[in-house]
Amino acid sequence: MRNASMKVLKNLVCCAAFICLMFVLAMPAHAASKADELLQLVNAERAQAGVAPLSMGSSALNAAAQARAEELTVNYSYNRPNGSREFTILPEYGVDDVSVGENYWAAAENASDVVAAWNRYDFFKERMLDKDATSVGIGYYEGGEYGNYWVMIFTYARGTSENGFAQEVLALVNAERAKENLAPLAMGDAKLQAAADERAKEVAKVASHTRPDGTNCFTVLKEYGVSDTATGENAAWGETTPEKVVADWMASEGHRVNIMDPAAKYMCLGYNYDANSQWGHNWIQIFAK
């Protein structure tokens, strides 16, 4: 009798395990269907705006997005439950792409409702239509206080979009200078560029015009053999595009003065994306004469 009872119990446990396994296997397929629908709708929005379509990212990127969707049930914010910013999840999942940003939403059962909501907010819509973004990771989670959680992480591969940032910033800066009949700046030489690149790495660690070693920012020029004289340095953190960073610099009096300085002749841009830094995107602009 005991053996028969044990056999029945064993069968019940196996049956329960099988049901749980089937449930776990079914959820990714359900989430994948939601993800595909969301991507199609977002790409339809991009097509209307004349922007190239996004492709579904790697399994690692999608796993990171799925984890973010689950994190939203704990803290419905760009700040993760551990207090760090949302993009810091990417290196945790081995994703080396550059994050353009993240959109999230909750309490919407349908992808169409999510896209409609994103279209109502400029900052969500900007990410959907970002011309630099090429891939997305999508997470969908059912549970928590709001029932349905959606996440879309927008990225591009390193060494693609950011390679043209310097020329884009130079063009934008010269357009601003032209408004006041100032001579256009030229791109600095390789030594000045190396100095700007170094400073972009440094400000990812210390958000200041003072270098990590405690010296003034312009001491970097001597280290890289720059013979030009510096006229100014602009720094910025968190902006994802050249347009945004130049707009922010122009809206700040001190940064605007550097851009519009009649004495400046050269400019170099340093850009460093570091998913383990406070703001992810780190920018440096060095002016010289």
Foldseek 3Di string as FASTA:
>chain_A
DVVVVVVVVVVVVVVVVVVVVVVVVVVVVVFVVQVVQLQVVLQVVLVVVVAHGAAADDPLQQVLQQVVQVQCLVPVDLQGPVRAGSLLSNVVSPHPWAWLDKDKDFLDPHSVVSVVVLVVDPVSNCQSNPRQFHYWHWHWDADHDNGIMIMIITTDHPPPVVVCQFVVLQVVLQVVLVVVPADRAAADDPLVQVLQQVVQVQCLVPVDCQGPVRHGVVVSSVVSVNPWAWDDKDKDFQNNGSVVVVVVLCVDVVSVCNSNPNPFHHKYKHWDADSPGRRRIIIMIITTD
